[in-house]
């Protein structure tokens, strides 16, 4: 099928946590025979911080961040058999949503793909006339990269015809074990941008344990932390390019996952970093959230912390041998059940099912 996908960025992970998800998912769909055009705005300096060049498995259209340019790419939705508007494009989101769904052919499959469901649901819940809330009943599918039953129930209550979680996963060709690098060799590393609904949890789960273990070394990567006061045993290295993620994950004794506030409350929302770290064979320590057991087993494939004290105790007690065993077990679990090949098969089946349903509806209407 010919897919028109309107998202934040396929080419750059700069201030764009969905990039890995888009790449893994869309590459697999392309390998299944789908033809993909990805539309992304030239915004937020992402084009100046590209992690990849345009791939051979998708056509990428980078358009100026202007209303006129947005209208131009909206018109191209009429050429597609599947029209996808993702959340969080960051430029003219409402215009794009209403425009591409209106431009789509009657027989086209219309999808809203939510990469931050807790935030989206909070936004539309507070505004009865929100464009997405008005549009939901006319869509064929809502796909979310996390959220589980709470998100499905919420979307259905707002009028969605069907909502299906399509979780983050591992692209084993991109994220895998590599030799350790001295620049990332610390006791605990954390990678994540500084965001308002994550900062307090970073203080609790990362900075407080670092202060409690002054003899240990800690590393933080991501945008926005340069002005944050930190203990002297914490080193900040700024944005970490995708090509360095494997070494970032394999070199420390352990890596830390910290969910944003909204994701932790909602549950069933494993971050991309969880699968990247597991794919690299890293020993992962994560904050606790509902649904974790669907992906990794506590104590054997992941270490779970309920607060900063738990993080400090995990780091203090962890040996290289145990860290290696946990990382290997996590990698085996994720490779067996949580790859983009499996997620791609899930989405491919959904698309074919929806295409069959719409064709049957059209045939009945003609009769």
Foldseek 3Di string as FASTA:
>chain_A
DEEEEEAQDCFFCAVNQCNVVCVQQQLLLLVVPYAYEYEAECDPCRVVHTLDDDDPSYHYHYFYLDPVRLLVVLLCLCVGQEYEYEPDSPGCSLVSLVSNVVNHDPLHAYEYEYAPQLVVLVVCVVPVVRSCLVCQQVHPEYEYQWQPPVSQVSSVVSRHPGYYYLHAAADLVQAAADDADPVLEWLEEEEDADDPQFVVQCCKAPQVLCVVCVVTAYEYEEPDCPPPDGPPRYYYDYHDRSNCLLNNLNRYLAYEDEDGNSDQVSFRHDRNNLNSNLRNLFAYEYEDHPPCVVQADDPQQHDYDPINVSNNVCSVPDDSVSRNRNSPVNNVRRVVPGGSNVSNVVVVVVNVVSSVVSVVVVVVVVD
